Protein backbone atom coordinates (compact mmCIF):
# COMPACT_ATOMS: atom_id res chain seq x y z
CA MET A 1 -11.80 -13.12 -12.06
CA ARG A 2 -10.62 -15.00 -9.07
CA ASP A 3 -11.19 -14.36 -5.37
CA ALA A 4 -14.53 -12.78 -4.78
CA GLY A 5 -14.58 -9.86 -2.43
CA PHE A 6 -11.29 -8.45 -3.74
CA ARG A 7 -11.79 -4.79 -4.67
CA ARG A 8 -10.59 -3.76 -8.09
CA PRO A 9 -9.10 -0.32 -8.64
CA PHE A 10 -11.55 0.35 -11.51
CA THR A 11 -12.76 3.66 -10.06
CA PRO A 12 -16.00 5.47 -10.84
CA ILE A 13 -13.98 8.23 -12.57
CA VAL A 14 -12.38 5.70 -14.89
CA ALA A 15 -15.77 4.11 -15.56
CA VAL A 16 -17.22 7.48 -16.60
CA THR A 17 -14.22 8.17 -18.82
CA PHE A 18 -14.52 4.72 -20.41
CA THR A 19 -18.23 5.28 -21.16
CA GLY A 20 -17.35 8.55 -22.83
CA LEU A 21 -14.83 6.80 -25.04
CA VAL A 22 -17.44 4.26 -26.05
CA LEU A 23 -19.96 6.94 -26.94
CA ALA A 24 -17.37 8.79 -28.99
CA ALA A 25 -16.35 5.63 -30.81
CA CYS A 26 -19.81 4.65 -32.03
CA SER A 27 -23.07 6.52 -31.68
CA SER A 28 -25.01 3.25 -31.63
CA ASP A 29 -23.04 1.85 -28.70
CA PRO A 30 -25.31 3.07 -25.88
CA ALA A 31 -27.99 0.44 -25.37
CA THR A 32 -30.35 1.49 -22.65
CA GLY A 33 -33.54 -0.03 -24.13
CA PRO A 34 -36.29 -0.74 -21.63
CA ALA A 35 -33.82 -1.20 -18.77
CA PRO A 36 -35.14 1.50 -16.38
CA GLN A 37 -38.65 0.00 -16.48
CA PHE A 38 -37.24 -3.52 -16.18
CA ALA A 39 -35.11 -2.47 -13.21
CA ALA A 40 -38.02 -0.75 -11.50
CA ILE A 41 -40.23 -3.82 -11.81
CA SER A 42 -37.53 -6.21 -10.63
CA ALA A 43 -36.34 -3.98 -7.80
CA ALA A 44 -39.68 -4.45 -6.09
CA HIS A 45 -38.87 -8.12 -5.64
CA SER A 46 -35.13 -8.07 -4.99
CA ARG A 47 -32.36 -6.03 -3.43
CA THR A 48 -29.88 -7.53 -5.88
CA PRO A 49 -28.23 -4.89 -8.11
CA LEU A 50 -29.65 -4.89 -11.63
CA ALA A 51 -28.40 -3.71 -15.02
CA VAL A 52 -29.68 -0.23 -15.94
CA SER A 53 -27.58 0.62 -19.01
CA ALA A 54 -25.18 -0.97 -21.46
CA THR A 55 -22.29 0.00 -23.73
CA HIS A 56 -20.32 -2.13 -26.15
CA VAL A 57 -17.01 -2.08 -28.00
CA PRO A 58 -15.46 -4.30 -30.68
CA LEU A 59 -12.49 -6.64 -30.26
CA LEU A 60 -10.05 -5.80 -33.04
CA PRO A 61 -8.58 -6.56 -35.45
CA ASN A 62 -10.82 -8.84 -37.48
CA ASP A 63 -8.02 -10.08 -39.70
CA VAL A 64 -8.78 -12.83 -42.22
CA LEU A 65 -7.46 -16.34 -41.57
CA ALA A 66 -8.62 -17.81 -44.87
CA THR A 67 -11.13 -17.32 -47.68
CA TYR A 68 -13.18 -20.10 -49.28
CA ASN A 69 -15.48 -19.40 -52.24
CA GLY A 70 -15.76 -15.78 -51.19
CA VAL A 71 -16.45 -16.59 -47.53
CA ASN A 72 -13.99 -14.99 -45.12
CA VAL A 73 -12.88 -16.88 -42.00
CA TYR A 74 -11.99 -14.21 -39.45
CA ASN A 75 -9.60 -14.18 -36.52
CA GLY A 76 -11.93 -13.17 -34.71
CA GLY A 77 -13.01 -16.06 -32.64
CA PHE A 78 -11.87 -14.69 -29.27
CA GLY A 79 -15.17 -14.44 -27.41
CA SER A 80 -15.55 -17.88 -25.82
CA ALA A 81 -14.40 -16.45 -22.48
CA ILE A 82 -13.18 -13.16 -21.05
CA ASP A 83 -11.34 -12.16 -17.90
CA GLN A 84 -9.48 -9.28 -16.32
CA ARG A 85 -6.65 -9.48 -13.81
CA ASP A 86 -6.95 -7.36 -10.70
CA GLY A 87 -5.34 -3.97 -11.10
CA HIS A 88 -5.44 -4.02 -14.92
CA LYS A 89 -8.64 -2.10 -15.65
CA ASP A 90 -7.81 -1.37 -19.31
CA GLU A 91 -6.69 -4.90 -20.18
CA PHE A 92 -8.70 -8.05 -20.89
CA TYR A 93 -7.85 -11.64 -21.77
CA SER A 94 -10.15 -13.50 -24.14
CA LEU A 95 -10.18 -17.08 -25.43
CA THR A 96 -10.84 -18.86 -28.70
CA ASP A 97 -12.46 -22.26 -28.95
CA ARG A 98 -11.06 -25.08 -31.07
CA GLY A 99 -11.23 -23.12 -34.32
CA PRO A 100 -13.55 -22.53 -37.28
CA ASN A 101 -15.57 -25.63 -38.09
CA VAL A 102 -18.91 -26.74 -39.50
CA SER A 103 -20.87 -29.97 -39.42
CA GLY A 104 -20.63 -32.36 -42.36
CA THR A 105 -22.64 -35.48 -43.06
CA GLY A 106 -22.93 -38.14 -40.38
CA ASN A 107 -20.27 -37.67 -37.72
CA ASP A 108 -17.97 -35.63 -39.95
CA LYS A 109 -16.71 -32.35 -38.54
CA LEU A 110 -15.19 -30.07 -41.17
CA PHE A 111 -12.34 -27.82 -40.05
CA ALA A 112 -11.85 -24.70 -42.17
CA VAL A 113 -8.33 -24.07 -40.79
CA PRO A 114 -7.10 -27.48 -39.56
CA ASP A 115 -3.78 -26.16 -38.24
CA PHE A 116 -5.44 -23.49 -36.09
CA HIS A 117 -4.08 -23.42 -32.53
CA PRO A 118 -6.51 -22.49 -29.73
CA GLN A 119 -5.21 -19.35 -28.07
CA ILE A 120 -5.61 -16.60 -25.51
CA GLY A 121 -5.63 -13.00 -26.70
CA ARG A 122 -4.57 -10.04 -24.58
CA PHE A 123 -6.54 -6.89 -25.45
CA GLU A 124 -6.07 -3.29 -24.37
CA PHE A 125 -8.29 -0.23 -24.73
CA GLU A 126 -7.27 2.19 -27.42
CA HIS A 127 -9.54 5.05 -28.56
CA GLY A 128 -12.65 3.33 -27.26
CA VAL A 129 -12.05 -0.13 -28.73
CA LEU A 130 -10.24 -3.23 -27.48
CA VAL A 131 -7.16 -3.96 -29.57
CA ARG A 132 -5.35 -7.30 -29.54
CA ARG A 133 -1.77 -6.82 -28.28
CA GLU A 134 -0.61 -10.39 -27.73
CA VAL A 135 -1.53 -13.96 -28.63
CA ILE A 136 -0.68 -16.84 -26.27
CA VAL A 137 -0.96 -20.19 -28.06
CA LEU A 138 -2.04 -23.11 -25.86
CA LYS A 139 0.62 -25.85 -25.76
CA ASP A 140 1.15 -29.26 -24.21
CA ALA A 141 3.68 -29.91 -21.44
CA SER A 142 6.52 -30.23 -23.95
CA GLY A 143 5.69 -26.89 -25.55
CA LYS A 144 4.06 -28.29 -28.70
CA PRO A 145 1.09 -26.15 -29.82
CA LYS A 146 -2.27 -27.82 -29.32
CA THR A 147 -4.83 -28.03 -32.11
CA GLY A 148 -8.58 -28.06 -31.81
CA LEU A 149 -8.90 -31.42 -33.58
CA PRO A 150 -10.76 -34.20 -31.72
CA VAL A 151 -8.66 -36.26 -29.34
CA GLY A 152 -9.53 -39.63 -30.89
CA PRO A 153 -12.28 -42.19 -31.39
CA SER A 154 -12.00 -43.74 -27.93
CA GLY A 155 -10.93 -42.92 -24.43
CA CYS A 156 -11.49 -39.83 -22.32
CA GLY A 157 -12.64 -36.87 -24.34
CA ALA A 158 -13.89 -38.81 -27.37
CA THR A 159 -16.72 -37.02 -29.18
CA GLY A 160 -17.36 -39.53 -31.97
CA GLU A 161 -16.47 -36.86 -34.51
CA VAL A 162 -14.45 -37.62 -37.65
CA PRO A 163 -12.23 -34.63 -38.50
CA ARG A 164 -12.01 -33.61 -42.15
CA ALA A 165 -10.91 -30.61 -44.16
CA LEU A 166 -13.55 -28.67 -46.09
CA ASP A 167 -12.76 -30.71 -49.21
CA GLY A 168 -13.45 -33.95 -47.32
CA THR A 169 -9.82 -34.93 -46.76
CA LEU A 170 -9.47 -37.00 -43.60
CA LEU A 171 -7.50 -35.22 -40.86
CA PRO A 172 -5.48 -36.80 -38.04
CA TYR A 173 -6.75 -36.87 -34.50
CA ASP A 174 -4.84 -34.91 -31.87
CA PRO A 175 -4.46 -36.72 -28.51
CA ASN A 176 -3.69 -33.30 -27.01
CA GLY A 177 -6.55 -31.53 -28.80
CA ILE A 178 -8.56 -29.01 -26.83
CA ASP A 179 -11.93 -27.34 -27.35
CA SER A 180 -11.22 -24.46 -24.99
CA GLU A 181 -14.25 -22.64 -23.56
CA GLY A 182 -13.64 -21.27 -20.04
CA LEU A 183 -10.79 -18.98 -18.92
CA ARG A 184 -9.55 -17.43 -15.70
CA ALA A 185 -6.40 -15.32 -15.58
CA LEU A 186 -4.58 -15.48 -12.24
CA ASP A 187 -2.48 -12.77 -10.63
CA ASP A 188 0.68 -14.89 -10.97
CA GLY A 189 0.39 -14.68 -14.77
CA THR A 190 -0.92 -18.23 -15.28
CA PHE A 191 -4.28 -19.33 -16.66
CA TRP A 192 -6.89 -21.98 -15.92
CA VAL A 193 -8.83 -23.17 -18.98
CA SER A 194 -11.78 -25.57 -19.19
CA ASP A 195 -12.86 -27.41 -22.31
CA GLU A 196 -15.63 -29.44 -23.92
CA TYR A 197 -13.68 -32.55 -24.95
CA GLY A 198 -12.59 -34.30 -21.74
CA PRO A 199 -13.92 -32.29 -20.14
CA PHE A 200 -10.49 -31.02 -19.18
CA ILE A 201 -9.45 -28.37 -16.67
CA THR A 202 -5.93 -27.32 -17.61
CA HIS A 203 -3.42 -25.00 -15.94
CA PHE A 204 -1.21 -23.08 -18.37
CA ASP A 205 1.82 -20.93 -17.60
CA ARG A 206 2.10 -17.35 -18.84
CA ARG A 207 3.54 -18.62 -22.15
CA GLY A 208 0.70 -21.07 -22.69
CA ARG A 209 2.55 -24.27 -21.75
CA THR A 210 0.59 -26.93 -19.85
CA LEU A 211 1.44 -27.19 -16.15
CA GLU A 212 -1.35 -29.56 -15.11
CA GLN A 213 -4.30 -31.20 -16.83
CA ASN A 214 -7.22 -32.86 -15.09
CA SER A 215 -10.04 -34.91 -16.62
CA PRO A 216 -12.51 -37.53 -15.33
CA CYS A 217 -9.98 -40.15 -16.39
CA SER A 218 -6.61 -38.78 -15.34
CA GLY A 219 -4.56 -35.97 -13.88
CA PRO A 220 -3.09 -35.17 -10.48
CA HIS A 221 -6.58 -34.04 -9.39
CA PRO A 222 -9.12 -36.00 -11.46
CA LEU A 223 -12.64 -34.75 -12.06
CA PRO A 224 -15.73 -36.83 -11.13
CA ALA A 225 -16.10 -39.93 -13.31
CA VAL A 226 -19.72 -39.07 -14.13
CA LEU A 227 -18.52 -36.16 -16.27
CA THR A 228 -17.43 -38.60 -18.97
CA LEU A 229 -21.16 -38.69 -19.77
CA ARG A 230 -21.16 -35.08 -20.94
CA GLN A 231 -22.85 -34.59 -24.29
CA ALA A 232 -20.40 -34.21 -27.16
CA ASN A 233 -19.38 -30.55 -27.52
CA LYS A 234 -21.39 -29.66 -24.43
CA GLY A 235 -18.77 -30.17 -21.76
CA MET A 236 -17.29 -27.74 -19.24
CA GLU A 237 -18.29 -24.51 -20.96
CA GLY A 238 -17.72 -22.11 -18.05
CA LEU A 239 -15.01 -21.66 -15.44
CA ALA A 240 -14.55 -19.57 -12.31
CA ALA A 241 -11.80 -19.46 -9.71
CA ILE A 242 -11.79 -18.64 -5.99
CA ALA A 243 -9.27 -18.86 -3.15
CA GLY A 244 -6.56 -17.26 -5.27
CA GLY A 245 -7.01 -19.88 -7.98
CA HIS A 246 -6.62 -22.85 -5.65
CA ILE A 247 -10.26 -23.77 -6.19
CA VAL A 248 -11.61 -23.82 -9.74
CA VAL A 249 -15.33 -23.96 -10.37
CA GLY A 250 -16.67 -25.33 -13.64
CA ILE A 251 -20.18 -25.56 -15.01
CA ILE A 252 -21.25 -28.20 -17.54
CA GLN A 253 -23.07 -26.60 -20.47
CA ASN A 254 -25.99 -29.05 -20.71
CA PRO A 255 -27.37 -32.00 -18.73
CA LEU A 256 -25.28 -35.18 -18.85
CA ASP A 257 -26.28 -38.22 -20.90
CA ASN A 258 -26.88 -39.95 -17.60
CA PRO A 259 -27.67 -42.76 -18.02
CA ASN A 260 -28.63 -41.95 -21.61
CA HIS A 261 -29.44 -39.10 -23.97
CA ALA A 262 -33.17 -39.41 -23.29
CA ALA A 263 -32.54 -38.25 -19.71
CA ALA A 264 -30.46 -35.31 -20.92
CA LYS A 265 -33.20 -34.10 -23.27
CA THR A 266 -35.73 -33.57 -20.49
CA SER A 267 -33.51 -32.68 -17.53
CA HIS A 268 -33.19 -29.15 -16.12
CA LEU A 269 -30.11 -30.12 -14.10
CA LEU A 270 -26.63 -28.79 -14.77
CA ARG A 271 -23.65 -29.72 -12.63
CA ILE A 272 -21.40 -27.14 -11.00
CA VAL A 273 -18.08 -28.70 -9.99
CA PHE A 274 -15.71 -27.36 -7.35
CA LEU A 275 -12.16 -28.75 -7.62
CA ASN A 276 -9.51 -27.94 -5.03
CA VAL A 277 -6.27 -28.17 -7.01
CA ARG A 278 -4.19 -28.42 -3.84
CA ASN A 279 -5.77 -31.52 -2.33
CA GLY A 280 -8.14 -32.81 -5.03
CA ALA A 281 -11.29 -32.31 -2.94
CA ILE A 282 -14.48 -32.25 -5.02
CA LYS A 283 -17.93 -30.77 -4.47
CA GLN A 284 -20.85 -30.66 -6.89
CA TYR A 285 -24.05 -28.64 -6.88
CA ALA A 286 -27.20 -28.71 -8.98
CA TYR A 287 -28.21 -25.72 -11.09
CA LEU A 288 -31.74 -25.92 -12.53
CA MET A 289 -32.28 -24.24 -15.90
CA ASP A 290 -35.46 -22.40 -16.76
CA ASP A 291 -36.01 -24.82 -19.65
CA PRO A 292 -34.28 -28.05 -20.76
CA SER A 293 -33.57 -26.54 -24.18
CA TYR A 294 -31.26 -23.87 -22.73
CA GLY A 295 -27.64 -24.18 -21.63
CA ALA A 296 -25.04 -22.39 -19.50
CA SER A 297 -22.09 -20.68 -21.13
CA GLU A 298 -20.19 -19.20 -18.19
CA ILE A 299 -19.74 -19.00 -14.44
CA GLU A 300 -17.95 -16.14 -12.65
CA ALA A 301 -17.16 -15.71 -8.96
CA ILE A 302 -18.65 -12.94 -6.85
CA SER A 303 -17.65 -14.48 -3.51
CA PRO A 304 -16.71 -17.98 -2.31
CA THR A 305 -20.42 -18.88 -2.33
CA ARG A 306 -21.99 -16.55 -4.92
CA PHE A 307 -21.48 -16.67 -8.67
CA LEU A 308 -22.85 -15.34 -11.93
CA VAL A 309 -24.20 -17.87 -14.44
CA ASP A 310 -24.97 -17.10 -18.08
CA GLU A 311 -28.06 -19.11 -19.16
CA ARG A 312 -29.10 -18.81 -22.79
CA ASP A 313 -30.55 -20.27 -25.94
CA GLY A 314 -28.64 -20.27 -29.24
CA LYS A 315 -30.78 -17.82 -31.21
CA PHE A 316 -30.43 -14.23 -32.39
CA PHE A 317 -32.32 -11.22 -31.07
CA ASN A 318 -35.28 -10.34 -33.33
CA ASP A 319 -34.48 -13.12 -35.80
CA PRO A 320 -37.50 -13.52 -38.14
CA ALA A 321 -36.73 -17.24 -38.34
CA GLY A 322 -37.21 -17.58 -34.60
CA PRO A 323 -36.03 -14.95 -32.12
CA SER A 324 -34.03 -15.55 -28.97
CA VAL A 325 -36.08 -15.77 -25.79
CA GLN A 326 -33.36 -16.50 -23.25
CA LYS A 327 -30.16 -14.53 -22.66
CA LYS A 328 -30.00 -14.06 -18.90
CA ILE A 329 -27.32 -13.71 -16.27
CA TYR A 330 -28.32 -15.02 -12.88
CA MET A 331 -26.63 -14.60 -9.53
CA ILE A 332 -26.53 -17.96 -7.77
CA ASP A 333 -25.80 -18.87 -4.17
CA ILE A 334 -24.55 -22.29 -3.14
CA ALA A 335 -25.15 -21.58 0.56
CA GLY A 336 -27.76 -24.09 1.67
CA ALA A 337 -27.52 -26.12 -1.55
CA THR A 338 -26.91 -29.87 -1.43
CA ASN A 339 -23.48 -31.26 -2.27
CA ILE A 340 -24.41 -33.88 -4.88
CA ASN A 341 -20.92 -35.31 -5.30
CA ASP A 342 -20.78 -39.09 -5.12
CA PRO A 343 -18.20 -40.12 -2.46
CA ALA A 344 -17.79 -43.47 -4.24
CA ASN A 345 -17.16 -41.69 -7.57
CA GLY A 346 -19.39 -44.14 -9.43
CA PRO A 347 -19.76 -43.96 -13.21
CA ASN A 348 -23.26 -42.47 -12.90
CA GLY A 349 -22.56 -40.32 -9.88
CA LEU A 350 -24.93 -40.06 -6.95
CA MET A 351 -28.02 -42.25 -7.39
CA VAL A 352 -31.43 -41.84 -5.73
CA GLY A 353 -33.81 -44.79 -5.67
CA GLY A 354 -31.95 -46.41 -8.54
CA LYS A 355 -32.18 -43.28 -10.70
CA THR A 356 -29.55 -40.80 -11.74
CA LEU A 357 -30.03 -37.16 -10.80
CA GLU A 358 -30.65 -36.33 -14.45
CA GLN A 359 -33.57 -38.78 -14.46
CA LEU A 360 -35.29 -37.02 -11.56
CA THR A 361 -37.80 -34.25 -12.14
CA ASP A 362 -37.40 -30.96 -10.29
CA SER A 363 -40.08 -32.09 -7.85
CA GLY A 364 -38.33 -35.46 -7.56
CA LEU A 365 -35.13 -33.73 -6.51
CA ALA A 366 -37.04 -31.75 -3.90
CA ALA A 367 -38.83 -34.85 -2.61
CA ASN A 368 -35.46 -36.49 -2.02
CA GLY A 369 -34.01 -33.52 -0.14
CA ILE A 370 -31.75 -32.31 -2.94
CA VAL A 371 -31.64 -28.53 -2.83
CA PRO A 372 -30.33 -26.75 -5.95
CA VAL A 373 -28.48 -23.45 -5.89
CA LYS A 374 -30.61 -20.33 -5.50
CA LYS A 375 -30.76 -18.09 -8.57
CA THR A 376 -31.67 -14.40 -8.90
CA LEU A 377 -31.90 -12.47 -12.17
CA VAL A 378 -29.31 -9.71 -12.60
CA VAL A 379 -29.29 -8.99 -16.36
CA ASP A 380 -31.73 -9.82 -19.15
CA LEU A 381 -29.48 -9.19 -22.16
CA LEU A 382 -32.42 -9.17 -24.55
CA ALA A 383 -33.90 -6.16 -22.74
CA PHE A 384 -30.94 -4.20 -24.09
CA GLY A 385 -31.18 -5.53 -27.63
CA TYR A 386 -28.17 -7.84 -27.32
CA PRO A 387 -27.73 -9.01 -30.95
CA HIS A 388 -25.53 -12.12 -30.78
CA ASP A 389 -26.59 -15.76 -30.55
CA LYS A 390 -23.69 -16.88 -28.37
CA ALA A 391 -23.12 -14.77 -25.26
CA GLU A 392 -20.32 -16.88 -23.81
CA GLY A 393 -17.78 -14.93 -21.73
CA VAL A 394 -18.65 -13.19 -18.43
CA ALA A 395 -16.37 -11.11 -16.20
CA LEU A 396 -17.32 -9.04 -13.16
CA ILE A 397 -15.35 -5.77 -13.12
CA ASP A 398 -15.50 -2.22 -11.73
CA GLU A 399 -15.63 -3.40 -8.10
CA GLY A 400 -18.70 -5.48 -8.87
CA ARG A 401 -20.65 -2.71 -10.59
CA THR A 402 -20.22 -3.83 -14.21
CA ILE A 403 -20.61 -7.18 -15.99
CA ALA A 404 -18.58 -7.65 -19.17
CA VAL A 405 -19.99 -10.13 -21.71
CA SER A 406 -18.16 -11.39 -24.81
CA ASN A 407 -19.68 -13.30 -27.72
CA ASP A 408 -18.41 -16.29 -29.66
CA ASP A 409 -18.61 -15.14 -33.29
CA ASP A 410 -17.64 -18.57 -34.69
CA PHE A 411 -14.85 -16.85 -36.65
CA GLY A 412 -17.56 -15.16 -38.71
CA VAL A 413 -18.69 -18.40 -40.38
CA SER A 414 -21.55 -20.86 -40.22
CA ASP A 415 -22.89 -23.64 -42.44
CA ASP A 416 -25.94 -24.16 -44.61
CA GLY A 417 -26.91 -27.45 -43.00
CA LYS A 418 -25.33 -29.38 -45.85
CA GLY A 419 -21.67 -29.05 -44.86
CA HIS A 420 -21.03 -25.91 -46.88
CA LEU A 421 -19.28 -22.92 -45.32
CA ILE A 422 -21.28 -19.67 -45.34
CA GLN A 423 -20.81 -16.28 -43.72
CA LYS A 424 -22.34 -15.93 -40.26
CA ILE A 425 -24.72 -13.00 -40.60
CA LEU A 426 -26.70 -11.21 -37.89
CA PRO A 427 -30.38 -10.45 -38.56
CA SER A 428 -29.19 -6.85 -39.10
CA GLY A 429 -27.32 -8.05 -42.19
CA GLN A 430 -23.85 -7.54 -40.68
CA VAL A 431 -21.21 -10.23 -40.26
CA ASP A 432 -21.12 -11.47 -36.68
CA HIS A 433 -17.90 -10.24 -35.04
CA ASN A 434 -16.55 -10.22 -31.49
CA GLU A 435 -17.73 -7.51 -29.12
CA VAL A 436 -17.64 -6.91 -25.39
CA TRP A 437 -20.86 -5.58 -23.91
CA PHE A 438 -20.63 -3.80 -20.56
CA PHE A 439 -23.78 -3.98 -18.44
CA HIS A 440 -23.69 -1.26 -15.81
CA LEU A 441 -25.49 -2.08 -12.56
CA ASN A 442 -27.31 0.19 -10.12
CA GLY A 443 -25.09 -1.07 -7.30
CA SER A 444 -22.20 -3.41 -6.55
CA LEU A 445 -22.70 -7.16 -6.40
CA ARG A 446 -19.81 -7.20 -3.95
CA ALA A 447 -21.09 -4.49 -1.64
CA ASP A 448 -22.22 -6.95 1.03
CA HIS A 449 -19.30 -9.41 0.79
């Protein structure tokens, strides 16, 4: 979603009707869990609306892209981000990442479908499920479809990965490759997409052709140079938009390797970047995670100063091998937070006493007058039995009364740790597929904006 404060015509009557469709579609869809007790406890400490019930629907179809040794690669893969244009209550846009892939030996990255083109899917409700109606392939400025292959061994966006097919055949790099992760659909029909390679923030027209691309190294409105230190495959995972899409707001998934990976491993600090795509003005704010092992998958606007942030681990609910302990959506407020952007745009960003911000402890930040954004819990997904490891897309709908969350199903595949493709299976024994979970709040997050 874009401008916060804009009221959507998703009326309470429609919301009730939609819930009825969900219940009719699948008797297991209602997921109330311990939410009433959770809400009662939390309400004593906060006036922020909280989730009190949940419903969920599949994204369909799950057609098969390819099959290897009995393992199906599904298409699927649309849950990396989700959004809804104002006035289109029964329609959602969702995004794939770079395509089905697994880790090989060393720096090898094995691509199960090398010619896969990252894409946006348009989904509509039909009989209580979301059905894909259109696919918009992401393209470069000339109209050539982008791939998800790494951009190259050097320069902006390099990950150090060596792309190969599943049989080990070396694949070419793609200078225009994109690992798309964040999506916002604007009212004019265009899209902003963020990625993990550059990181890039790219503006696409309604047909998927590139209009503008910005990175820390280039573009009409370059990003801060310090973002080149993003960890490989942990770049700009989430994206929001305010001011009618003239200001895009990205969040980096994990702490930067700033000045090295040792700092990233212990830091709580994530960077939220505001980019004005009219004049290039930049602001940055610090978001402190609950634990350095977590990451942020999405950011969504509530108002020009308030946002939702999805902070999570990468584990499954009730997994006997090690269950998830963190799948939370926080409301954050940048009002009163310190702008940590470096006016000189140095390679390590703003420095304090010869240290990077990622080298400072939380108390060290406070001692130097650096105030992070405020955060308030809105939804604990695990309290509702949320089953997926990767809750990645977040959209605020229903006039601020419902939070939609999509999951990255990794095209239904994983690996065995030895470079072999296997089916991605939930602890329940089912193949992991895309769903949208709707967390219904006991009030509107936009009521006071």
